[in-house]
Structure formats: structure tokens, C-alpha cells
Amino acid sequence: MKGFSQISKILLIVASLVVIITAVYGIANSQKSSDVVAYGEEDYQLNTGEKVDNMTVKNKVGGAAILDPSLLLDSTKAGQVVSVDYYANGRLVQSVQQAPFYLDTTLLRNGSYKIKSTIIFLDGSVQEQEKEIEIENR
């Protein structure tokens, strides 16, 4: 009977690990980026019709904007992202937990900002990017 108890504990642990792995895999796959239907050097158009400005090449942006275009174009990378935090002049402006991981610039007044994005991946690694940008919302 003692051996049966140990086997039950092992099976319970294995079942718990399967549930955890399945949950993590499901989160990663649910966060794949939106389909980009058209893109140029300066902006992207999502399948929703929404335009996203590319801050890496534009000096003035308005509406939706992104510092790391690969989050829109590379679904493999986007599938590993937990969240993206956007800072304007050192102040947290927006934290995005699902694709597409862009900044809503309408949260800011028109003007010059140092925008920093902090990308947090499933494995705990972090990637940061920063750029001086002019926000020009209509």
C-alpha cells in the first residue's frame, strides 16, 4: 500500500506539471501579434484597419505607435511577450499585456518625449528601446 501512495503522489505531480505547461503554452499562443496587412518603412496597417506608426524611423507620430516593429511582424517573438511597458520622460504611461503591443499616444499631450519601451518575455528576460519622439495627435 505504501508503494501505491508514492505512485499516486508522482502521478499528481506529473498531472500538475502538464496543467502548468499547457497553461503557459496557451498564454504564449494567445498573444501572437495581429496580422499586418500592409506595411511600409514608416507605418503598418493591421487587419483591423488600424494604422500603427513606426517610431524607429518616424520623428513625429500620432495615435498608435510602436518602438519594436518586430512585435507586429514577427508572431514568434510576439508569442513570447508577457507585456510591454511604455514610459514617456521616465513616467510609466501604458502597460500592454496583449498583442498588438503598441503605445496609444493619445494618452499623451502633443509635444516632445523620450519614449522607452520595456518588453518582458515569458522566460523573464527584458529588452528595452528608447527614442526621442514628437507626439502629434490630431
Foldseek 3Di string as FASTA:
>chain_A
DVVVVVVVVVVVVVVVVVVVVVVLLVQLLQQFAAAFPDDDPFWTAGPVRDIEGAVVPDQEDAFWYDPDCCSHVPRNQRSFWQWKWKDWQRHTQDIDGGHPHTDGCVSDDFAKTWIKIWTAGNVGDIDMDIDIHTYDYD
